[in-house]
C-alpha atoms as a PDB file:
ATOM      1  CA  MET A   1      84.940  -3.403  26.003  1.00  0.00           C
ATOM      2  CA  LYS A   2      87.144  -0.599  24.704  1.00  0.00           C
ATOM      3  CA  ASN A   3      84.987  -0.237  21.556  1.00  0.00           C
ATOM      4  CA  LYS A   4      81.831  -0.082  23.664  1.00  0.00           C
ATOM      5  CA  PHE A   5      83.328   2.752  25.742  1.00  0.00           C
ATOM      6  CA  LEU A   6      84.329   4.685  22.594  1.00  0.00           C
ATOM      7  CA  ILE A   7      80.836   4.312  21.107  1.00  0.00           C
ATOM      8  CA  ILE A   8      79.206   5.555  24.327  1.00  0.00           C
ATOM      9  CA  LEU A   9      81.647   8.476  24.471  1.00  0.00           C
ATOM     10  CA  LEU A  10      80.973   9.379  20.814  1.00  0.00           C
ATOM     11  CA  VAL A  11      77.193   9.209  21.244  1.00  0.00           C
ATOM     12  CA  GLY A  12      77.482  11.330  24.404  1.00  0.00           C
ATOM     13  CA  LEU A  13      79.491  13.977  22.567  1.00  0.00           C
ATOM     14  CA  LEU A  14      77.005  14.055  19.689  1.00  0.00           C
ATOM     15  CA  PHE A  15      74.031  14.550  21.987  1.00  0.00           C
ATOM     16  CA  SER A  16      75.750  17.047  24.274  1.00  0.00           C
ATOM     17  CA  GLY A  17      75.977  19.449  21.325  1.00  0.00           C
ATOM     18  CA  CYS A  18      72.184  19.549  21.153  1.00  0.00           C
ATOM     19  CA  VAL A  19      71.706  20.812  24.712  1.00  0.00           C
ATOM     20  CA  GLY A  20      72.569  24.435  23.980  1.00  0.00           C
ATOM     21  CA  VAL A  21      70.032  24.630  21.150  1.00  0.00           C
ATOM     22  CA  SER A  22      67.042  24.196  23.445  1.00  0.00           C
ATOM     23  CA  SER A  23      64.931  27.312  23.915  1.00  0.00           C
ATOM     24  CA  LYS A  24      63.476  26.051  27.172  1.00  0.00           C
ATOM     25  CA  GLY A  25      66.615  26.285  29.291  1.00  0.00           C
ATOM     26  CA  ILE A  26      68.610  23.504  30.821  1.00  0.00           C
ATOM     27  CA  PHE A  27      65.827  22.374  33.166  1.00  0.00           C
ATOM     28  CA  GLY A  28      63.003  22.756  30.627  1.00  0.00           C
ATOM     29  CA  THR A  29      61.074  25.255  32.713  1.00  0.00           C
ATOM     30  CA  GLY A  30      60.638  27.834  29.976  1.00  0.00           C
ATOM     31  CA  VAL A  31      62.897  30.387  31.660  1.00  0.00           C
ATOM     32  CA  SER A  32      66.620  30.581  30.985  1.00  0.00           C
ATOM     33  CA  ILE A  33      68.690  30.144  34.137  1.00  0.00           C
ATOM     34  CA  ALA A  34      70.883  33.146  33.294  1.00  0.00           C
ATOM     35  CA  PHE A  35      67.892  35.513  33.180  1.00  0.00           C
ATOM     36  CA  ASP A  36      65.701  33.885  35.830  1.00  0.00           C
ATOM     37  CA  PRO A  37      65.422  36.011  38.987  1.00  0.00           C
ATOM     38  CA  ARG A  38      64.888  32.920  41.170  1.00  0.00           C
ATOM     39  CA  SER A  39      67.890  31.402  42.928  1.00  0.00           C
ATOM     40  CA  VAL A  40      69.410  28.356  41.226  1.00  0.00           C
ATOM     41  CA  GLY A  41      68.218  26.216  44.152  1.00  0.00           C
ATOM     42  CA  THR A  42      64.633  27.405  43.706  1.00  0.00           C
ATOM     43  CA  GLN A  43      64.850  26.793  39.955  1.00  0.00           C
ATOM     44  CA  VAL A  44      66.051  23.240  40.582  1.00  0.00           C
ATOM     45  CA  ASP A  45      63.314  22.651  43.194  1.00  0.00           C
ATOM     46  CA  ASP A  46      60.651  23.960  40.801  1.00  0.00           C
ATOM     47  CA  SER A  47      62.001  21.843  37.964  1.00  0.00           C
ATOM     48  CA  ILE A  48      61.974  18.713  40.135  1.00  0.00           C
ATOM     49  CA  MET A  49      58.407  19.455  41.265  1.00  0.00           C
ATOM     50  CA  GLN A  50      57.311  20.003  37.649  1.00  0.00           C
ATOM     51  CA  LYS A  51      58.932  16.793  36.390  1.00  0.00           C
ATOM     52  CA  ASN A  52      57.550  14.833  39.376  1.00  0.00           C
ATOM     53  CA  LEU A  53      53.998  16.077  38.818  1.00  0.00           C
ATOM     54  CA  SER A  54      54.244  15.516  35.052  1.00  0.00           C
ATOM     55  CA  ALA A  55      55.401  11.935  35.585  1.00  0.00           C
ATOM     56  CA  ARG A  56      52.646  11.205  38.125  1.00  0.00           C
ATOM     57  CA  SER A  57      49.991  12.689  35.821  1.00  0.00           C
ATOM     58  CA  LEU A  58      51.265  10.496  32.970  1.00  0.00           C
ATOM     59  CA  LEU A  59      50.955   7.447  35.211  1.00  0.00           C
ATOM     60  CA  MET A  60      47.290   8.375  35.680  1.00  0.00           C
ATOM     61  CA  ASP A  61      46.714   8.634  31.931  1.00  0.00           C
ATOM     62  CA  LYS A  62      49.109   9.061  28.994  1.00  0.00           C
ATOM     63  CA  LYS A  63      46.789  11.540  27.242  1.00  0.00           C
ATOM     64  CA  TYR A  64      47.814  14.204  29.793  1.00  0.00           C
ATOM     65  CA  LEU A  65      51.194  14.466  28.060  1.00  0.00           C
ATOM     66  CA  LEU A  66      49.592  16.569  25.313  1.00  0.00           C
ATOM     67  CA  SER A  67      46.379  17.802  26.893  1.00  0.00           C
ATOM     68  CA  VAL A  68      47.659  19.283  30.190  1.00  0.00           C
ATOM     69  CA  LYS A  69      50.472  21.780  30.743  1.00  0.00           C
ATOM     70  CA  ILE A  70      52.154  22.084  34.126  1.00  0.00           C
ATOM     71  CA  LYS A  71      54.245  25.060  35.227  1.00  0.00           C
ATOM     72  CA  VAL A  72      55.898  25.521  38.624  1.00  0.00           C
ATOM     73  CA  LEU A  73      57.169  28.897  39.821  1.00  0.00           C
ATOM     74  CA  ASP A  74      58.509  29.331  43.349  1.00  0.00           C
ATOM     75  CA  GLY A  75      56.556  26.308  44.594  1.00  0.00           C
ATOM     76  CA  ARG A  76      53.326  27.504  43.002  1.00  0.00           C
ATOM     77  CA  ILE A  77      51.785  25.060  40.522  1.00  0.00           C
ATOM     78  CA  PHE A  78      49.855  26.301  37.482  1.00  0.00           C
ATOM     79  CA  LEU A  79      47.755  23.814  35.480  1.00  0.00           C
ATOM     80  CA  THR A  80      46.327  24.564  32.024  1.00  0.00           C
ATOM     81  CA  GLY A  81      44.906  22.515  29.201  1.00  0.00           C
ATOM     82  CA  LYS A  82      41.805  20.445  28.522  1.00  0.00           C
ATOM     83  CA  VAL A  83      40.355  17.267  30.032  1.00  0.00           C
ATOM     84  CA  ASP A  84      37.292  15.185  29.180  1.00  0.00           C
ATOM     85  CA  ASN A  85      35.300  15.644  32.392  1.00  0.00           C
ATOM     86  CA  PRO A  86      35.228  17.520  35.738  1.00  0.00           C
ATOM     87  CA  GLU A  87      36.401  14.444  37.679  1.00  0.00           C
ATOM     88  CA  GLU A  88      39.700  14.452  35.778  1.00  0.00           C
ATOM     89  CA  LYS A  89      40.163  18.139  36.600  1.00  0.00           C
ATOM     90  CA  LEU A  90      39.631  17.410  40.298  1.00  0.00           C
ATOM     91  CA  GLN A  91      42.007  14.432  40.203  1.00  0.00           C
ATOM     92  CA  LEU A  92      44.749  16.563  38.662  1.00  0.00           C
ATOM     93  CA  THR A  93      44.197  19.289  41.265  1.00  0.00           C
ATOM     94  CA  LYS A  94      44.475  16.710  44.050  1.00  0.00           C
ATOM     95  CA  LEU A  95      47.616  15.275  42.456  1.00  0.00           C
ATOM     96  CA  ALA A  96      49.153  18.765  42.307  1.00  0.00           C
ATOM     97  CA  TRP A  97      48.424  19.416  45.985  1.00  0.00           C
ATOM     98  CA  GLU A  98      50.095  16.098  46.884  1.00  0.00           C
ATOM     99  CA  THR A  99      53.404  17.259  45.368  1.00  0.00           C
ATOM    100  CA  ASP A 100      56.167  17.775  47.947  1.00  0.00           C
ATOM    101  CA  GLY A 101      56.991  21.470  48.453  1.00  0.00           C
ATOM    102  CA  VAL A 102      53.833  22.886  46.836  1.00  0.00           C
ATOM    103  CA  ARG A 103      52.758  26.308  48.127  1.00  0.00           C
ATOM    104  CA  SER A 104      49.640  26.797  45.990  1.00  0.00           C
ATOM    105  CA  VAL A 105      47.824  25.340  42.988  1.00  0.00           C
ATOM    106  CA  ARG A 106      46.040  27.311  40.286  1.00  0.00           C
ATOM    107  CA  ASN A 107      43.917  25.091  38.088  1.00  0.00           C
ATOM    108  CA  ASP A 108      42.911  26.720  34.798  1.00  0.00           C
ATOM    109  CA  ILE A 109      42.133  23.390  33.107  1.00  0.00           C
ATOM    110  CA  LYS A 110      39.049  23.491  30.896  1.00  0.00           C
ATOM    111  CA  ILE A 111      36.582  20.725  30.090  1.00  0.00           C
ATOM    112  CA  LYS A 112      36.853  19.630  26.423  1.00  0.00           C
ATOM    113  CA  GLU A 113      34.285  20.565  23.871  1.00  0.00           C
ATOM    114  CA  GLU A 114      34.064  19.725  20.184  1.00  0.00           C
ATOM    115  CA  PHE A 115      37.117  20.854  18.224  1.00  0.00           C
ATOM    116  CA  ASN A 116      36.690  24.219  16.574  1.00  0.00           C
ATOM    117  CA  PHE A 117      39.428  24.929  14.010  1.00  0.00           C
ATOM    118  CA  LYS A 118      38.552  28.611  13.701  1.00  0.00           C
ATOM    119  CA  GLN A 119      38.726  29.114  17.480  1.00  0.00           C
ATOM    120  CA  SER A 120      41.999  27.194  17.786  1.00  0.00           C
ATOM    121  CA  ALA A 121      43.571  29.233  14.977  1.00  0.00           C
ATOM    122  CA  LYS A 122      42.431  32.474  16.632  1.00  0.00           C
ATOM    123  CA  ASP A 123      43.908  31.368  19.977  1.00  0.00           C
ATOM    124  CA  ILE A 124      47.247  30.566  18.335  1.00  0.00           C
ATOM    125  CA  LEU A 125      47.228  33.970  16.635  1.00  0.00           C
ATOM    126  CA  ILE A 126      46.517  35.761  19.927  1.00  0.00           C
ATOM    127  CA  THR A 127      49.344  33.876  21.671  1.00  0.00           C
ATOM    128  CA  SER A 128      51.750  34.729  18.837  1.00  0.00           C
ATOM    129  CA  GLN A 129      50.775  38.401  18.893  1.00  0.00           C
ATOM    130  CA  LEU A 130      51.353  38.691  22.640  1.00  0.00           C
ATOM    131  CA  ARG A 131      54.642  36.779  22.446  1.00  0.00           C
ATOM    132  CA  SER A 132      55.849  39.178  19.722  1.00  0.00           C
ATOM    133  CA  ALA A 133      54.657  42.235  21.634  1.00  0.00           C
ATOM    134  CA  ILE A 134      56.531  41.327  24.812  1.00  0.00           C
ATOM    135  CA  ILE A 135      59.670  40.326  22.893  1.00  0.00           C
ATOM    136  CA  PHE A 136      59.811  43.749  21.208  1.00  0.00           C
ATOM    137  CA  ASN A 137      58.919  45.695  24.366  1.00  0.00           C
ATOM    138  CA  LYS A 138      62.225  46.807  25.916  1.00  0.00           C
ATOM    139  CA  ASN A 139      60.619  47.136  29.358  1.00  0.00           C
ATOM    140  CA  ILE A 140      59.736  43.427  29.526  1.00  0.00           C
ATOM    141  CA  LYS A 141      62.068  40.450  30.028  1.00  0.00           C
ATOM    142  CA  ALA A 142      60.166  38.143  27.622  1.00  0.00           C
ATOM    143  CA  THR A 143      62.034  34.972  28.606  1.00  0.00           C
ATOM    144  CA  ASN A 144      60.366  35.102  32.031  1.00  0.00           C
ATOM    145  CA  TYR A 145      56.833  34.472  30.686  1.00  0.00           C
ATOM    146  CA  ASN A 146      54.739  31.572  29.407  1.00  0.00           C
ATOM    147  CA  ILE A 147      51.549  32.288  27.470  1.00  0.00           C
ATOM    148  CA  ASP A 148      48.508  30.105  26.796  1.00  0.00           C
ATOM    149  CA  THR A 149      45.277  31.171  25.086  1.00  0.00           C
ATOM    150  CA  TYR A 150      41.956  29.373  25.274  1.00  0.00           C
ATOM    151  CA  LYS A 151      38.727  30.771  23.784  1.00  0.00           C
ATOM    152  CA  LYS A 152      40.174  34.263  23.494  1.00  0.00           C
ATOM    153  CA  LYS A 153      41.307  34.276  27.149  1.00  0.00           C
ATOM    154  CA  ILE A 154      45.028  34.769  27.651  1.00  0.00           C
ATOM    155  CA  TYR A 155      46.762  33.024  30.540  1.00  0.00           C
ATOM    156  CA  VAL A 156      50.132  34.583  31.353  1.00  0.00           C
ATOM    157  CA  TYR A 157      52.511  32.931  33.832  1.00  0.00           C
ATOM    158  CA  GLY A 158      55.877  34.275  34.860  1.00  0.00           C
ATOM    159  CA  ILE A 159      58.069  36.419  37.041  1.00  0.00           C
ATOM    160  CA  ALA A 160      58.218  40.208  36.716  1.00  0.00           C
ATOM    161  CA  LEU A 161      61.251  42.134  37.873  1.00  0.00           C
ATOM    162  CA  THR A 162      59.087  45.129  38.834  1.00  0.00           C
ATOM    163  CA  LEU A 163      55.425  46.035  39.259  1.00  0.00           C
ATOM    164  CA  ASP A 164      55.764  48.269  36.182  1.00  0.00           C
ATOM    165  CA  GLU A 165      56.893  45.264  34.103  1.00  0.00           C
ATOM    166  CA  LYS A 166      53.930  43.205  35.356  1.00  0.00           C
ATOM    167  CA  ASN A 167      51.518  46.003  34.451  1.00  0.00           C
ATOM    168  CA  GLU A 168      53.184  46.399  31.042  1.00  0.00           C
ATOM    169  CA  VAL A 169      52.686  42.684  30.247  1.00  0.00           C
ATOM    170  CA  ILE A 170      49.003  42.890  31.227  1.00  0.00           C
ATOM    171  CA  LYS A 171      48.580  46.082  29.180  1.00  0.00           C
ATOM    172  CA  GLU A 172      50.153  44.448  26.109  1.00  0.00           C
ATOM    173  CA  ALA A 173      47.802  41.455  26.488  1.00  0.00           C
ATOM    174  CA  LYS A 174      44.693  43.623  26.790  1.00  0.00           C
ATOM    175  CA  GLU A 175      45.618  45.617  23.666  1.00  0.00           C
ATOM    176  CA  ILE A 176      45.438  42.551  21.401  1.00  0.00           C
ATOM    177  CA  LEU A 177      42.379  42.483  19.171  1.00  0.00           C
ATOM    178  CA  ASP A 178      39.572  40.052  20.145  1.00  0.00           C
ATOM    179  CA  VAL A 179      40.951  39.239  23.625  1.00  0.00           C
ATOM    180  CA  GLU A 180      38.070  38.725  26.025  1.00  0.00           C
ATOM    181  CA  ASP A 181      40.025  38.349  29.276  1.00  0.00           C
ATOM    182  CA  VAL A 182      43.574  38.299  30.620  1.00  0.00           C
ATOM    183  CA  ILE A 183      44.310  35.952  33.504  1.00  0.00           C
ATOM    184  CA  ALA A 184      47.728  36.946  34.806  1.00  0.00           C
ATOM    185  CA  SER A 185      49.584  34.779  37.280  1.00  0.00           C
ATOM    186  CA  ILE A 186      52.677  36.930  37.410  1.00  0.00           C
ATOM    187  CA  LEU A 187      54.851  36.851  40.501  1.00  0.00           C
ATOM    188  CA  LEU A 188      57.055  39.766  41.481  1.00  0.00           C
ATOM    189  CA  VAL A 189      60.727  39.108  42.230  1.00  0.00           C
ATOM    190  CA  ASP A 190      60.210  40.744  45.634  1.00  0.00           C
ATOM    191  CA  ASN A 191      57.574  38.101  46.496  1.00  0.00           C
ATOM    192  CA  LEU A 192      59.794  35.097  45.761  1.00  0.00           C
ATOM    193  CA  ARG A 193      60.900  32.994  48.733  1.00  0.00           C
ATOM    194  CA  ILE A 194      64.550  32.971  47.731  1.00  0.00           C
ATOM    195  CA  LYS A 195      65.935  35.462  45.235  1.00  0.00           C
ATOM    196  CA  LYS A 196      69.091  35.359  43.140  1.00  0.00           C
ATOM    197  CA  ASP A 197      71.755  37.692  44.541  1.00  0.00           C
END
């Protein structure tokens, strides 16, 4: 019994050292708790909603683990990714609305088409360029944003500290070569239900 306890303790210590390495924050929401303008309670609520919805979508079909991304900010659910048909898109929207505490749902899920390597590479390049631009822009808190690109359309989700920061993020996105559209779902700190003091 004593050996079993020591093994569990040792394994726990080994894995606890890996937690700080994560770039997604302790709750996996893509925004570090220290820099997130939401209250800790709101961050926890959003994280629980995100994990709940992710688990329920996986119960529907395991392929959603890779094909659909779910982000929750201040009770607002953002869905991106690709599904095989319109019925799946509607089912995921319905599932999102059935989540406890949801305030709104934005469904930017696309219907799959044949894989196009050139288009996928271009989308990855666009995402990387915008990520770099906002990291190097001193007026933008880059850790507060998630970026997805699909067919040269950039989807930006996050929380801006000021209206100027929000406009700066959108401006940076529009300046990237070959971008056809910028869909910004950026909340202002002033519009959050509960703010960090």
